Amino acid sequence: NRNFKNLMKNLIVAWKVIRKEKPDLIVSTGAAVAIPFFYIGKLFRIKLIYIEVFDRIDKPTMTGKIVYPVADKFIVQWEEQNQVYKKAVNLGSIF
């Protein structure tokens, strides 16, 4: 997401993969590549589940902030993360 050229490449990859595979669900635990897959997935009305990383307790990740508006289910692993992501579901540690 910080490199426009890579974002454009990942948007193209996401478009091709999603059109070919036609998934019912996309699950991600983060990384910048999740962003294009989530937004393209939303266009195709695919269910989206995002799991915020375990090591970020009281601040949002950049990827989390960007996919939060489109995620159908946003999962956090710390109670403190519910202060950051109001609609999140806290499942506790998933390790």
PDB file of N, CA and C in Angstrom:
ATOM      1  N   ASN A   1       0.803  -1.193   0.000  1.00  0.00           N
ATOM      2  CA  ASN A   1       0.000   0.000   0.000  1.00  0.00           C
ATOM      3  C   ASN A   1       0.847   1.258   0.000  1.00  0.00           C
ATOM      4  N   ARG A   2       2.113   1.134   0.341  1.00  0.00           N
ATOM      5  CA  ARG A   2       2.976   2.314   0.326  1.00  0.00           C
ATOM      6  C   ARG A   2       3.678   2.486  -1.003  1.00  0.00           C
ATOM      7  N   ASN A   3       3.547   1.499  -1.877  1.00  0.00           N
ATOM      8  CA  ASN A   3       4.191   1.545  -3.175  1.00  0.00           C
ATOM      9  C   ASN A   3       3.105   1.416  -4.236  1.00  0.00           C
ATOM     10  N   PHE A   4       2.825   2.514  -4.915  1.00  0.00           N
ATOM     11  CA  PHE A   4       1.721   2.557  -5.874  1.00  0.00           C
ATOM     12  C   PHE A   4       1.878   1.523  -6.983  1.00  0.00           C
ATOM     13  N   LYS A   5       3.091   1.353  -7.465  1.00  0.00           N
ATOM     14  CA  LYS A   5       3.343   0.381  -8.539  1.00  0.00           C
ATOM     15  C   LYS A   5       2.977  -1.039  -8.085  1.00  0.00           C
ATOM     16  N   ASN A   6       3.394  -1.416  -6.892  1.00  0.00           N
ATOM     17  CA  ASN A   6       3.064  -2.748  -6.375  1.00  0.00           C
ATOM     18  C   ASN A   6       1.563  -2.893  -6.108  1.00  0.00           C
ATOM     19  N   LEU A   7       0.940  -1.827  -5.643  1.00  0.00           N
ATOM     20  CA  LEU A   7      -0.506  -1.867  -5.432  1.00  0.00           C
ATOM     21  C   LEU A   7      -1.233  -2.147  -6.744  1.00  0.00           C
ATOM     22  N   MET A   8      -0.821  -1.493  -7.811  1.00  0.00           N
ATOM     23  CA  MET A   8      -1.446  -1.713  -9.120  1.00  0.00           C
ATOM     24  C   MET A   8      -1.222  -3.151  -9.603  1.00  0.00           C
ATOM     25  N   LYS A   9       0.002  -3.650  -9.421  1.00  0.00           N
ATOM     26  CA  LYS A   9       0.281  -5.042  -9.797  1.00  0.00           C
ATOM     27  C   LYS A   9      -0.597  -5.999  -8.999  1.00  0.00           C
ATOM     28  N   ASN A  10      -0.715  -5.753  -7.689  1.00  0.00           N
ATOM     29  CA  ASN A  10      -1.521  -6.634  -6.841  1.00  0.00           C
ATOM     30  C   ASN A  10      -3.004  -6.538  -7.157  1.00  0.00           C
ATOM     31  N   LEU A  11      -3.479  -5.378  -7.585  1.00  0.00           N
ATOM     32  CA  LEU A  11      -4.877  -5.254  -8.021  1.00  0.00           C
ATOM     33  C   LEU A  11      -5.139  -6.134  -9.238  1.00  0.00           C
ATOM     34  N   ILE A  12      -4.208  -6.133 -10.173  1.00  0.00           N
ATOM     35  CA  ILE A  12      -4.355  -6.967 -11.378  1.00  0.00           C
ATOM     36  C   ILE A  12      -4.318  -8.444 -11.007  1.00  0.00           C
ATOM     37  N   VAL A  13      -3.383  -8.820 -10.147  1.00  0.00           N
ATOM     38  CA  VAL A  13      -3.297 -10.215  -9.698  1.00  0.00           C
ATOM     39  C   VAL A  13      -4.586 -10.619  -8.985  1.00  0.00           C
ATOM     40  N   ALA A  14      -5.060  -9.773  -8.089  1.00  0.00           N
ATOM     41  CA  ALA A  14      -6.285 -10.076  -7.344  1.00  0.00           C
ATOM     42  C   ALA A  14      -7.463 -10.254  -8.295  1.00  0.00           C
ATOM     43  N   TRP A  15      -7.595  -9.375  -9.264  1.00  0.00           N
ATOM     44  CA  TRP A  15      -8.679  -9.457 -10.241  1.00  0.00           C
ATOM     45  C   TRP A  15      -8.635 -10.800 -10.983  1.00  0.00           C
ATOM     46  N   LYS A  16      -7.448 -11.168 -11.461  1.00  0.00           N
ATOM     47  CA  LYS A  16      -7.308 -12.413 -12.229  1.00  0.00           C
ATOM     48  C   LYS A  16      -7.586 -13.643 -11.360  1.00  0.00           C
ATOM     49  N   VAL A  17      -7.026 -13.669 -10.165  1.00  0.00           N
ATOM     50  CA  VAL A  17      -7.203 -14.827  -9.270  1.00  0.00           C
ATOM     51  C   VAL A  17      -8.662 -14.985  -8.867  1.00  0.00           C
ATOM     52  N   ILE A  18      -9.290 -13.894  -8.482  1.00  0.00           N
ATOM     53  CA  ILE A  18     -10.683 -13.974  -8.027  1.00  0.00           C
ATOM     54  C   ILE A  18     -11.611 -14.366  -9.172  1.00  0.00           C
ATOM     55  N   ARG A  19     -11.397 -13.828 -10.354  1.00  0.00           N
ATOM     56  CA  ARG A  19     -12.242 -14.203 -11.504  1.00  0.00           C
ATOM     57  C   ARG A  19     -12.055 -15.667 -11.877  1.00  0.00           C
ATOM     58  N   LYS A  20     -10.826 -16.160 -11.769  1.00  0.00           N
ATOM     59  CA  LYS A  20     -10.557 -17.552 -12.129  1.00  0.00           C
ATOM     60  C   LYS A  20     -11.063 -18.525 -11.062  1.00  0.00           C
ATOM     61  N   GLU A  21     -10.747 -18.264  -9.805  1.00  0.00           N
ATOM     62  CA  GLU A  21     -11.053 -19.203  -8.721  1.00  0.00           C
ATOM     63  C   GLU A  21     -12.479 -19.098  -8.195  1.00  0.00           C
ATOM     64  N   LYS A  22     -13.088 -17.923  -8.309  1.00  0.00           N
ATOM     65  CA  LYS A  22     -14.456 -17.684  -7.841  1.00  0.00           C
ATOM     66  C   LYS A  22     -14.675 -18.173  -6.391  1.00  0.00           C
ATOM     67  N   PRO A  23     -13.886 -17.659  -5.453  1.00  0.00           N
ATOM     68  CA  PRO A  23     -14.025 -18.122  -4.061  1.00  0.00           C
ATOM     69  C   PRO A  23     -15.324 -17.631  -3.427  1.00  0.00           C
ATOM     70  N   ASP A  24     -15.804 -18.377  -2.450  1.00  0.00           N
ATOM     71  CA  ASP A  24     -16.962 -17.967  -1.659  1.00  0.00           C
ATOM     72  C   ASP A  24     -16.539 -17.107  -0.478  1.00  0.00           C
ATOM     73  N   LEU A  25     -15.259 -17.236  -0.097  1.00  0.00           N
ATOM     74  CA  LEU A  25     -14.760 -16.602   1.115  1.00  0.00           C
ATOM     75  C   LEU A  25     -13.285 -16.262   0.952  1.00  0.00           C
ATOM     76  N   ILE A  26     -12.905 -15.094   1.463  1.00  0.00           N
ATOM     77  CA  ILE A  26     -11.497 -14.713   1.533  1.00  0.00           C
ATOM     78  C   ILE A  26     -11.183 -14.440   2.994  1.00  0.00           C
ATOM     79  N   VAL A  27     -10.140 -15.098   3.497  1.00  0.00           N
ATOM     80  CA  VAL A  27      -9.679 -14.908   4.878  1.00  0.00           C
ATOM     81  C   VAL A  27      -8.254 -14.413   4.818  1.00  0.00           C
ATOM     82  N   SER A  28      -7.954 -13.385   5.626  1.00  0.00           N
ATOM     83  CA  SER A  28      -6.589 -12.864   5.650  1.00  0.00           C
ATOM     84  C   SER A  28      -6.184 -12.504   7.066  1.00  0.00           C
ATOM     85  N   THR A  29      -4.898 -12.649   7.331  1.00  0.00           N
ATOM     86  CA  THR A  29      -4.330 -12.216   8.604  1.00  0.00           C
ATOM     87  C   THR A  29      -3.438 -11.003   8.405  1.00  0.00           C
ATOM     88  N   GLY A  30      -3.552 -10.368   7.283  1.00  0.00           N
ATOM     89  CA  GLY A  30      -2.815  -9.140   7.091  1.00  0.00           C
ATOM     90  C   GLY A  30      -1.904  -9.133   5.892  1.00  0.00           C
ATOM     91  N   ALA A  31      -1.022  -8.192   5.856  1.00  0.00           N
ATOM     92  CA  ALA A  31      -0.086  -7.901   4.786  1.00  0.00           C
ATOM     93  C   ALA A  31      -0.784  -7.071   3.711  1.00  0.00           C
ATOM     94  N   ALA A  32       0.004  -6.266   3.045  1.00  0.00           N
ATOM     95  CA  ALA A  32      -0.538  -5.320   2.075  1.00  0.00           C
ATOM     96  C   ALA A  32      -1.287  -5.995   0.934  1.00  0.00           C
ATOM     97  N   VAL A  33      -0.919  -7.210   0.580  1.00  0.00           N
ATOM     98  CA  VAL A  33      -1.586  -7.895  -0.525  1.00  0.00           C
ATOM     99  C   VAL A  33      -3.057  -8.183  -0.203  1.00  0.00           C
ATOM    100  N   ALA A  34      -3.430  -8.185   1.067  1.00  0.00           N
ATOM    101  CA  ALA A  34      -4.830  -8.407   1.453  1.00  0.00           C
ATOM    102  C   ALA A  34      -5.732  -7.288   0.936  1.00  0.00           C
ATOM    103  N   ILE A  35      -5.212  -6.093   0.855  1.00  0.00           N
ATOM    104  CA  ILE A  35      -6.033  -4.937   0.485  1.00  0.00           C
ATOM    105  C   ILE A  35      -6.671  -5.090  -0.892  1.00  0.00           C
ATOM    106  N   PRO A  36      -5.910  -5.344  -1.956  1.00  0.00           N
ATOM    107  CA  PRO A  36      -6.570  -5.495  -3.249  1.00  0.00           C
ATOM    108  C   PRO A  36      -7.505  -6.698  -3.297  1.00  0.00           C
ATOM    109  N   PHE A  37      -7.140  -7.782  -2.642  1.00  0.00           N
ATOM    110  CA  PHE A  37      -8.024  -8.951  -2.646  1.00  0.00           C
ATOM    111  C   PHE A  37      -9.340  -8.647  -1.942  1.00  0.00           C
ATOM    112  N   PHE A  38      -9.302  -7.899  -0.853  1.00  0.00           N
ATOM    113  CA  PHE A  38     -10.532  -7.564  -0.138  1.00  0.00           C
ATOM    114  C   PHE A  38     -11.414  -6.618  -0.953  1.00  0.00           C
ATOM    115  N   TYR A  39     -10.831  -5.617  -1.560  1.00  0.00           N
ATOM    116  CA  TYR A  39     -11.648  -4.660  -2.312  1.00  0.00           C
ATOM    117  C   TYR A  39     -12.187  -5.260  -3.608  1.00  0.00           C
ATOM    118  N   ILE A  40     -11.393  -6.054  -4.299  1.00  0.00           N
ATOM    119  CA  ILE A  40     -11.904  -6.752  -5.488  1.00  0.00           C
ATOM    120  C   ILE A  40     -12.935  -7.794  -5.051  1.00  0.00           C
ATOM    121  N   GLY A  41     -12.653  -8.500  -3.970  1.00  0.00           N
ATOM    122  CA  GLY A  41     -13.604  -9.471  -3.434  1.00  0.00           C
ATOM    123  C   GLY A  41     -14.939  -8.838  -3.094  1.00  0.00           C
ATOM    124  N   LYS A  42     -14.917  -7.632  -2.544  1.00  0.00           N
ATOM    125  CA  LYS A  42     -16.156  -6.926  -2.218  1.00  0.00           C
ATOM    126  C   LYS A  42     -16.956  -6.636  -3.477  1.00  0.00           C
ATOM    127  N   LEU A  43     -16.268  -6.280  -4.555  1.00  0.00           N
ATOM    128  CA  LEU A  43     -16.959  -6.038  -5.834  1.00  0.00           C
ATOM    129  C   LEU A  43     -17.687  -7.291  -6.321  1.00  0.00           C
ATOM    130  N   PHE A  44     -17.112  -8.457  -6.035  1.00  0.00           N
ATOM    131  CA  PHE A  44     -17.703  -9.730  -6.448  1.00  0.00           C
ATOM    132  C   PHE A  44     -18.632 -10.314  -5.392  1.00  0.00           C
ATOM    133  N   ARG A  45     -18.902  -9.543  -4.338  1.00  0.00           N
ATOM    134  CA  ARG A  45     -19.799  -9.955  -3.247  1.00  0.00           C
ATOM    135  C   ARG A  45     -19.331 -11.239  -2.555  1.00  0.00           C
ATOM    136  N   ILE A  46     -18.028 -11.341  -2.385  1.00  0.00           N
ATOM    137  CA  ILE A  46     -17.434 -12.475  -1.678  1.00  0.00           C
ATOM    138  C   ILE A  46     -17.375 -12.133  -0.198  1.00  0.00           C
ATOM    139  N   LYS A  47     -17.653 -13.091   0.663  1.00  0.00           N
ATOM    140  CA  LYS A  47     -17.548 -12.878   2.105  1.00  0.00           C
ATOM    141  C   LYS A  47     -16.083 -12.659   2.471  1.00  0.00           C
ATOM    142  N   LEU A  48     -15.830 -11.697   3.345  1.00  0.00           N
ATOM    143  CA  LEU A  48     -14.470 -11.313   3.708  1.00  0.00           C
ATOM    144  C   LEU A  48     -14.273 -11.385   5.214  1.00  0.00           C
ATOM    145  N   ILE A  49     -13.270 -12.136   5.635  1.00  0.00           N
ATOM    146  CA  ILE A  49     -12.943 -12.254   7.058  1.00  0.00           C
ATOM    147  C   ILE A  49     -11.493 -11.824   7.243  1.00  0.00           C
ATOM    148  N   TYR A  50     -11.310 -10.861   8.131  1.00  0.00           N
ATOM    149  CA  TYR A  50      -9.966 -10.368   8.421  1.00  0.00           C
ATOM    150  C   TYR A  50      -9.631 -10.659   9.876  1.00  0.00           C
ATOM    151  N   ILE A  51      -8.446 -11.183  10.129  1.00  0.00           N
ATOM    152  CA  ILE A  51      -7.978 -11.468  11.482  1.00  0.00           C
ATOM    153  C   ILE A  51      -6.808 -10.533  11.762  1.00  0.00           C
ATOM    154  N   GLU A  52      -7.019  -9.585  12.683  1.00  0.00           N
ATOM    155  CA  GLU A  52      -5.950  -8.637  13.017  1.00  0.00           C
ATOM    156  C   GLU A  52      -4.812  -9.381  13.696  1.00  0.00           C
ATOM    157  N   VAL A  53      -3.607  -8.931  13.451  1.00  0.00           N
ATOM    158  CA  VAL A  53      -2.422  -9.618  13.949  1.00  0.00           C
ATOM    159  C   VAL A  53      -2.374  -9.659  15.477  1.00  0.00           C
ATOM    160  N   PHE A  54      -1.728 -10.674  15.995  1.00  0.00           N
ATOM    161  CA  PHE A  54      -1.644 -10.916  17.432  1.00  0.00           C
ATOM    162  C   PHE A  54      -0.731  -9.923  18.138  1.00  0.00           C
ATOM    163  N   ASP A  55       0.296  -9.462  17.461  1.00  0.00           N
ATOM    164  CA  ASP A  55       1.307  -8.635  18.128  1.00  0.00           C
ATOM    165  C   ASP A  55       0.961  -7.150  18.204  1.00  0.00           C
ATOM    166  N   ARG A  56      -0.169  -6.746  17.676  1.00  0.00           N
ATOM    167  CA  ARG A  56      -0.593  -5.351  17.756  1.00  0.00           C
ATOM    168  C   ARG A  56      -1.752  -5.294  18.736  1.00  0.00           C
ATOM    169  N   ILE A  57      -1.508  -4.777  19.935  1.00  0.00           N
ATOM    170  CA  ILE A  57      -2.497  -4.870  21.004  1.00  0.00           C
ATOM    171  C   ILE A  57      -3.460  -3.689  21.046  1.00  0.00           C
ATOM    172  N   ASP A  58      -2.950  -2.471  21.009  1.00  0.00           N
ATOM    173  CA  ASP A  58      -3.840  -1.330  21.215  1.00  0.00           C
ATOM    174  C   ASP A  58      -3.813  -0.295  20.093  1.00  0.00           C
ATOM    175  N   LYS A  59      -3.167  -0.629  18.987  1.00  0.00           N
ATOM    176  CA  LYS A  59      -3.135   0.265  17.832  1.00  0.00           C
ATOM    177  C   LYS A  59      -3.470  -0.536  16.586  1.00  0.00           C
ATOM    178  N   PRO A  60      -4.129   0.089  15.623  1.00  0.00           N
ATOM    179  CA  PRO A  60      -4.471  -0.633  14.400  1.00  0.00           C
ATOM    180  C   PRO A  60      -3.272  -0.765  13.466  1.00  0.00           C
ATOM    181  N   THR A  61      -3.270  -1.832  12.679  1.00  0.00           N
ATOM    182  CA  THR A  61      -2.279  -1.948  11.616  1.00  0.00           C
ATOM    183  C   THR A  61      -2.786  -1.153  10.417  1.00  0.00           C
ATOM    184  N   MET A  62      -1.890  -0.816   9.516  1.00  0.00           N
ATOM    185  CA  MET A  62      -2.310  -0.082   8.325  1.00  0.00           C
ATOM    186  C   MET A  62      -3.288  -0.925   7.502  1.00  0.00           C
ATOM    187  N   THR A  63      -2.973  -2.195   7.321  1.00  0.00           N
ATOM    188  CA  THR A  63      -3.860  -3.073   6.550  1.00  0.00           C
ATOM    189  C   THR A  63      -5.207  -3.201   7.243  1.00  0.00           C
ATOM    190  N   GLY A  64      -5.191  -3.376   8.560  1.00  0.00           N
ATOM    191  CA  GLY A  64      -6.442  -3.474   9.316  1.00  0.00           C
ATOM    192  C   GLY A  64      -7.324  -2.258   9.116  1.00  0.00           C
ATOM    193  N   LYS A  65      -6.743  -1.079   9.182  1.00  0.00           N
ATOM    194  CA  LYS A  65      -7.515   0.158   8.999  1.00  0.00           C
ATOM    195  C   LYS A  65      -8.126   0.236   7.607  1.00  0.00           C
ATOM    196  N   ILE A  66      -7.396  -0.243   6.620  1.00  0.00           N
ATOM    197  CA  ILE A  66      -7.871  -0.119   5.241  1.00  0.00           C
ATOM    198  C   ILE A  66      -8.948  -1.148   4.904  1.00  0.00           C
ATOM    199  N   VAL A  67      -8.837  -2.364   5.429  1.00  0.00           N
ATOM    200  CA  VAL A  67      -9.843  -3.388   5.101  1.00  0.00           C
ATOM    201  C   VAL A  67     -11.036  -3.391   6.060  1.00  0.00           C
ATOM    202  N   TYR A  68     -10.903  -2.749   7.200  1.00  0.00           N
ATOM    203  CA  TYR A  68     -11.984  -2.714   8.200  1.00  0.00           C
ATOM    204  C   TYR A  68     -13.347  -2.301   7.609  1.00  0.00           C
ATOM    205  N   PRO A  69     -13.397  -1.271   6.772  1.00  0.00           N
ATOM    206  CA  PRO A  69     -14.704  -0.864   6.241  1.00  0.00           C
ATOM    207  C   PRO A  69     -15.384  -1.894   5.337  1.00  0.00           C
ATOM    208  N   VAL A  70     -14.614  -2.788   4.714  1.00  0.00           N
ATOM    209  CA  VAL A  70     -15.220  -3.735   3.768  1.00  0.00           C
ATOM    210  C   VAL A  70     -15.323  -5.156   4.310  1.00  0.00           C
ATOM    211  N   ALA A  71     -14.659  -5.437   5.418  1.00  0.00           N
ATOM    212  CA  ALA A  71     -14.677  -6.804   5.972  1.00  0.00           C
ATOM    213  C   ALA A  71     -16.067  -7.143   6.499  1.00  0.00           C
ATOM    214  N   ASP A  72     -16.528  -8.352   6.178  1.00  0.00           N
ATOM    215  CA  ASP A  72     -17.811  -8.820   6.711  1.00  0.00           C
ATOM    216  C   ASP A  72     -17.668  -9.242   8.164  1.00  0.00           C
ATOM    217  N   LYS A  73     -16.527  -9.784   8.502  1.00  0.00           N
ATOM    218  CA  LYS A  73     -16.225 -10.172   9.887  1.00  0.00           C
ATOM    219  C   LYS A  73     -14.796  -9.738  10.152  1.00  0.00           C
ATOM    220  N   PHE A  74     -14.614  -8.972  11.207  1.00  0.00           N
ATOM    221  CA  PHE A  74     -13.296  -8.469  11.576  1.00  0.00           C
ATOM    222  C   PHE A  74     -12.975  -9.054  12.940  1.00  0.00           C
ATOM    223  N   ILE A  75     -11.943  -9.875  13.011  1.00  0.00           N
ATOM    224  CA  ILE A  75     -11.614 -10.606  14.236  1.00  0.00           C
ATOM    225  C   ILE A  75     -10.367 -10.016  14.879  1.00  0.00           C
ATOM    226  N   VAL A  76     -10.460  -9.797  16.190  1.00  0.00           N
ATOM    227  CA  VAL A  76      -9.301  -9.333  16.960  1.00  0.00           C
ATOM    228  C   VAL A  76      -8.964 -10.370  18.017  1.00  0.00           C
ATOM    229  N   GLN A  77      -7.750 -10.251  18.573  1.00  0.00           N
ATOM    230  CA  GLN A  77      -7.281 -11.248  19.533  1.00  0.00           C
ATOM    231  C   GLN A  77      -7.020 -10.667  20.921  1.00  0.00           C
ATOM    232  N   TRP A  78      -7.267  -9.377  21.088  1.00  0.00           N
ATOM    233  CA  TRP A  78      -7.080  -8.711  22.365  1.00  0.00           C
ATOM    234  C   TRP A  78      -8.298  -7.840  22.646  1.00  0.00           C
ATOM    235  N   GLU A  79      -8.724  -7.764  23.908  1.00  0.00           N
ATOM    236  CA  GLU A  79      -9.832  -6.877  24.270  1.00  0.00           C
ATOM    237  C   GLU A  79      -9.536  -5.430  23.906  1.00  0.00           C
ATOM    238  N   GLU A  80      -8.287  -5.027  24.083  1.00  0.00           N
ATOM    239  CA  GLU A  80      -7.900  -3.648  23.786  1.00  0.00           C
ATOM    240  C   GLU A  80      -8.166  -3.278  22.331  1.00  0.00           C
ATOM    241  N   GLN A  81      -8.117  -4.262  21.444  1.00  0.00           N
ATOM    242  CA  GLN A  81      -8.355  -3.982  20.032  1.00  0.00           C
ATOM    243  C   GLN A  81      -9.816  -3.633  19.760  1.00  0.00           C
ATOM    244  N   ASN A  82     -10.717  -4.030  20.651  1.00  0.00           N
ATOM    245  CA  ASN A  82     -12.123  -3.648  20.485  1.00  0.00           C
ATOM    246  C   ASN A  82     -12.319  -2.144  20.653  1.00  0.00           C
ATOM    247  N   GLN A  83     -11.404  -1.471  21.318  1.00  0.00           N
ATOM    248  CA  GLN A  83     -11.477  -0.013  21.428  1.00  0.00           C
ATOM    249  C   GLN A  83     -11.122   0.642  20.096  1.00  0.00           C
ATOM    250  N   VAL A  84     -10.299  -0.024  19.325  1.00  0.00           N
ATOM    251  CA  VAL A  84      -9.864   0.496  18.025  1.00  0.00           C
ATOM    252  C   VAL A  84     -10.861   0.118  16.937  1.00  0.00           C
ATOM    253  N   TYR A  85     -11.317  -1.110  16.951  1.00  0.00           N
ATOM    254  CA  TYR A  85     -12.244  -1.633  15.945  1.00  0.00           C
ATOM    255  C   TYR A  85     -13.567  -1.964  16.633  1.00  0.00           C
ATOM    256  N   LYS A  86     -14.507  -1.049  16.574  1.00  0.00           N
ATOM    257  CA  LYS A  86     -15.767  -1.177  17.332  1.00  0.00           C
ATOM    258  C   LYS A  86     -16.617  -2.374  16.913  1.00  0.00           C
ATOM    259  N   LYS A  87     -16.633  -2.730  15.650  1.00  0.00           N
ATOM    260  CA  LYS A  87     -17.489  -3.839  15.201  1.00  0.00           C
ATOM    261  C   LYS A  87     -16.761  -5.184  15.195  1.00  0.00           C
ATOM    262  N   ALA A  88     -15.554  -5.213  15.735  1.00  0.00           N
ATOM    263  CA  ALA A  88     -14.759  -6.444  15.721  1.00  0.00           C
ATOM    264  C   ALA A  88     -15.294  -7.484  16.690  1.00  0.00           C
ATOM    265  N   VAL A  89     -14.980  -8.729  16.396  1.00  0.00           N
ATOM    266  CA  VAL A  89     -15.303  -9.853  17.261  1.00  0.00           C
ATOM    267  C   VAL A  89     -13.999 -10.306  17.909  1.00  0.00           C
ATOM    268  N   ASN A  90     -13.983 -10.365  19.231  1.00  0.00           N
ATOM    269  CA  ASN A  90     -12.779 -10.790  19.952  1.00  0.00           C
ATOM    270  C   ASN A  90     -12.849 -12.285  20.193  1.00  0.00           C
ATOM    271  N   LEU A  91     -11.967 -13.034  19.558  1.00  0.00           N
ATOM    272  CA  LEU A  91     -11.917 -14.486  19.753  1.00  0.00           C
ATOM    273  C   LEU A  91     -10.778 -14.891  20.691  1.00  0.00           C
ATOM    274  N   GLY A  92     -10.026 -13.903  21.180  1.00  0.00           N
ATOM    275  CA  GLY A  92      -8.867 -14.233  21.977  1.00  0.00           C
ATOM    276  C   GLY A  92      -7.773 -14.773  21.080  1.00  0.00           C
ATOM    277  N   SER A  93      -6.735 -15.319  21.664  1.00  0.00           N
ATOM    278  CA  SER A  93      -5.618 -15.832  20.891  1.00  0.00           C
ATOM    279  C   SER A  93      -6.069 -16.999  20.022  1.00  0.00           C
ATOM    280  N   ILE A  94      -5.708 -16.947  18.769  1.00  0.00           N
ATOM    281  CA  ILE A  94      -6.073 -18.042  17.860  1.00  0.00           C
ATOM    282  C   ILE A  94      -4.877 -18.916  17.527  1.00  0.00           C
ATOM    283  N   PHE A  95      -3.764 -18.719  18.238  1.00  0.00           N
ATOM    284  CA  PHE A  95      -2.578 -19.546  18.005  1.00  0.00           C
ATOM    285  C   PHE A  95      -2.741 -20.879  18.657  1.00  0.00           C
TER     286      PHE A  95
END
